[in-house]
Amino acid sequence: MRETHHRLARMVAAGFRTEEILQLTGYSYNRLLQLRKDPAFCELVAAYRGKVDEAFVRSQDEVQETASELIRRSLRQVEQHYDEADESGELIPLKTLVAVGADLMDRFGYSKKVVQRNENLDFAAMMEQIARASGRSNVIDAQAIPTSRLVTSGDEGGRDE
């Protein structure tokens, strides 16, 4: 496991909320969920449980504060470049605009990559599984009615008019 996995395991062991972990590490929700299901990662979390101290928690807060400030300062400078270009009528190279725009869009959930998922579901198998889980049978118990007892159209119970 990499150092990033160890850091993540310490955060889980320390009881950080999922939102905090995602914000501090940059992991996606799906990746975190995937790791939490991984037996090796679960063992790592168990090894750190009880060993994580207050100093670790404080250091994560400091890292977050520092990183957040650097991001704010970087964005402020990017904004200044855009403002100066607007004021002077200078065009920022298209390659730069596309890169900045794509990166920011990705951070706000507008990724270039769209994941499509096709699933083939066996409805009959699903219904059988539900029936087994509920203890009910999915077989219909019925008895055939002899044809002599059936009323046919125009027969109205066998009465002659």
Protein backbone atom coordinates (compact mmCIF):
# COMPACT_ATOMS: atom_id res chain seq x y z
CA MET A 1 0.00 0.00 0.00
CA ARG A 2 1.15 3.51 -0.79
CA GLU A 3 1.61 6.32 1.69
CA THR A 4 -1.66 7.85 0.48
CA HIS A 5 -3.46 4.63 1.48
CA HIS A 6 -1.84 4.76 4.93
CA ARG A 7 -2.92 8.38 5.37
CA LEU A 8 -6.43 7.51 4.28
CA ALA A 9 -6.52 4.51 6.64
CA ARG A 10 -5.41 6.71 9.55
CA MET A 11 -8.20 9.16 8.73
CA VAL A 12 -10.81 6.38 8.67
CA ALA A 13 -9.41 4.96 11.93
CA ALA A 14 -9.52 8.43 13.52
CA GLY A 15 -13.23 8.70 12.69
CA PHE A 16 -13.13 11.44 10.05
CA ARG A 17 -16.46 11.86 8.26
CA THR A 18 -16.61 10.74 4.62
CA GLU A 19 -17.01 14.34 3.42
CA GLU A 20 -13.91 15.40 5.35
CA ILE A 21 -11.87 12.54 3.94
CA LEU A 22 -12.92 13.35 0.38
CA GLN A 23 -12.12 17.03 0.84
CA LEU A 24 -8.73 16.45 2.45
CA THR A 25 -7.52 13.69 0.14
CA GLY A 26 -9.09 14.51 -3.21
CA TYR A 27 -10.33 10.94 -3.55
CA SER A 28 -13.66 10.39 -5.29
CA TYR A 29 -16.56 8.93 -3.31
CA ASN A 30 -16.52 5.78 -5.46
CA ARG A 31 -12.78 5.25 -4.93
CA LEU A 32 -13.16 5.62 -1.17
CA LEU A 33 -16.07 3.17 -1.19
CA GLN A 34 -14.00 0.75 -3.24
CA LEU A 35 -11.09 0.96 -0.79
CA ARG A 36 -13.38 0.47 2.22
CA LYS A 37 -14.51 -2.85 0.70
CA ASP A 38 -10.91 -3.99 0.10
CA PRO A 39 -9.85 -6.53 2.78
CA ALA A 40 -6.23 -5.28 2.74
CA PHE A 41 -7.38 -1.72 3.35
CA CYS A 42 -9.70 -2.88 6.15
CA GLU A 43 -6.73 -4.60 7.82
CA LEU A 44 -4.73 -1.39 7.51
CA VAL A 45 -7.53 0.61 9.15
CA ALA A 46 -7.75 -1.98 11.94
CA ALA A 47 -3.99 -1.71 12.50
CA TYR A 48 -4.27 2.08 12.90
CA ARG A 49 -7.36 2.01 15.09
CA GLY A 50 -6.38 3.06 18.59
CA LYS A 51 -2.95 4.26 17.42
CA VAL A 52 -4.12 7.50 15.81
CA ASP A 53 -3.60 10.41 18.17
CA GLU A 54 -4.75 14.01 18.43
CA ALA A 55 -1.51 15.25 16.81
CA PHE A 56 -2.42 13.44 13.58
CA VAL A 57 -5.89 14.98 13.55
CA ARG A 58 -4.46 18.48 14.12
CA SER A 59 -1.88 17.97 11.36
CA GLN A 60 -4.65 17.11 8.90
CA ASP A 61 -6.46 20.33 9.77
CA GLU A 62 -3.23 22.26 9.18
CA VAL A 63 -2.67 20.53 5.83
CA GLN A 64 -6.21 21.36 4.78
CA GLU A 65 -5.86 25.00 5.78
CA THR A 66 -2.55 25.37 3.95
CA ALA A 67 -3.81 23.65 0.82
CA SER A 68 -7.01 25.71 0.81
CA GLU A 69 -5.03 28.94 1.10
CA LEU A 70 -2.72 27.94 -1.77
CA ILE A 71 -5.71 27.11 -3.95
CA ARG A 72 -7.32 30.47 -3.15
CA ARG A 73 -4.10 32.34 -3.94
CA SER A 74 -3.60 30.42 -7.20
CA LEU A 75 -7.14 31.11 -8.34
CA ARG A 76 -6.77 34.78 -7.40
CA GLN A 77 -3.68 35.03 -9.63
CA VAL A 78 -5.41 33.23 -12.49
CA GLU A 79 -8.26 35.71 -12.11
CA GLN A 80 -5.79 38.63 -12.23
CA HIS A 81 -4.37 37.30 -15.51
CA TYR A 82 -7.87 37.10 -16.95
CA ASP A 83 -8.68 40.63 -15.73
CA GLU A 84 -5.48 42.09 -17.20
CA ALA A 85 -6.14 40.34 -20.51
CA ASP A 86 -9.69 41.73 -20.58
CA GLU A 87 -8.51 45.27 -19.77
CA SER A 88 -5.75 45.28 -22.39
CA GLY A 89 -7.81 43.51 -25.03
CA GLU A 90 -5.18 40.76 -25.16
CA LEU A 91 -6.39 37.26 -25.95
CA ILE A 92 -5.23 34.46 -23.69
CA PRO A 93 -4.11 31.50 -25.81
CA LEU A 94 -6.99 29.15 -26.52
CA LYS A 95 -4.95 26.16 -25.29
CA THR A 96 -4.62 27.83 -21.88
CA LEU A 97 -8.31 28.76 -21.71
CA VAL A 98 -9.36 25.22 -22.57
CA ALA A 99 -7.00 23.70 -19.97
CA VAL A 100 -8.15 26.04 -17.17
CA GLY A 101 -11.81 25.66 -18.11
CA ALA A 102 -11.61 21.87 -18.32
CA ASP A 103 -9.86 21.59 -14.98
CA LEU A 104 -12.37 23.83 -13.22
CA MET A 105 -15.35 22.14 -14.87
CA ASP A 106 -14.05 18.75 -13.75
CA ARG A 107 -13.84 19.99 -10.15
CA PHE A 108 -17.48 21.02 -10.27
CA GLY A 109 -18.72 17.68 -11.60
CA TYR A 110 -18.72 18.43 -15.33
CA SER A 111 -16.19 15.81 -16.37
CA LYS A 112 -15.22 15.21 -19.99
CA LYS A 113 -15.58 11.50 -19.43
CA VAL A 114 -19.06 10.09 -19.12
CA VAL A 115 -19.36 6.64 -17.65
CA GLN A 116 -22.15 4.54 -19.07
CA ARG A 117 -23.13 1.35 -17.40
CA ASN A 118 -25.16 -1.38 -19.04
CA GLU A 119 -26.62 -4.08 -16.87
CA ASN A 120 -28.51 -7.14 -17.93
CA LEU A 121 -31.05 -7.99 -15.29
CA ASP A 122 -32.81 -11.34 -15.12
CA PHE A 123 -36.22 -10.32 -13.82
CA ALA A 124 -37.37 -13.89 -13.25
CA ALA A 125 -34.26 -14.70 -11.20
CA MET A 126 -34.76 -11.53 -9.16
CA MET A 127 -38.37 -12.47 -8.41
CA GLU A 128 -37.31 -15.99 -7.37
CA GLN A 129 -34.70 -14.53 -5.03
CA ILE A 130 -37.30 -12.18 -3.49
CA ALA A 131 -39.71 -15.09 -3.04
CA ARG A 132 -37.01 -17.22 -1.36
CA ALA A 133 -36.07 -14.36 0.95
CA SER A 134 -39.69 -13.80 1.97
CA GLY A 135 -40.36 -17.51 2.51
CA ARG A 136 -43.20 -17.48 0.02
CA SER A 137 -43.56 -19.72 -2.96
CA ASN A 138 -43.67 -18.32 -6.45
CA VAL A 139 -45.56 -21.37 -7.71
CA ILE A 140 -49.29 -20.97 -8.23
CA ASP A 141 -51.22 -23.88 -6.69
CA ALA A 142 -54.41 -24.29 -8.67
CA GLN A 143 -56.78 -27.04 -9.65
CA ALA A 144 -58.31 -27.36 -13.08
CA ILE A 145 -62.08 -26.93 -13.33
CA PRO A 146 -63.72 -29.75 -15.31
CA THR A 147 -65.06 -28.45 -18.63
CA SER A 148 -68.51 -29.84 -17.90
CA ARG A 149 -68.93 -27.27 -15.14
CA LEU A 150 -67.96 -24.34 -17.34
CA VAL A 151 -70.60 -22.00 -18.70
CA THR A 152 -70.13 -21.31 -22.36
CA SER A 153 -71.35 -18.20 -24.08
CA GLY A 154 -75.03 -18.38 -24.89
CA ASP A 155 -75.47 -21.29 -22.47
CA GLU A 156 -76.50 -19.22 -19.40
CA GLY A 157 -76.18 -22.06 -16.93
CA GLY A 158 -77.72 -24.72 -19.14
CA ARG A 159 -81.32 -23.40 -19.14
CA ASP A 160 -83.42 -23.83 -22.23
CA GLU A 161 -85.58 -20.96 -23.32
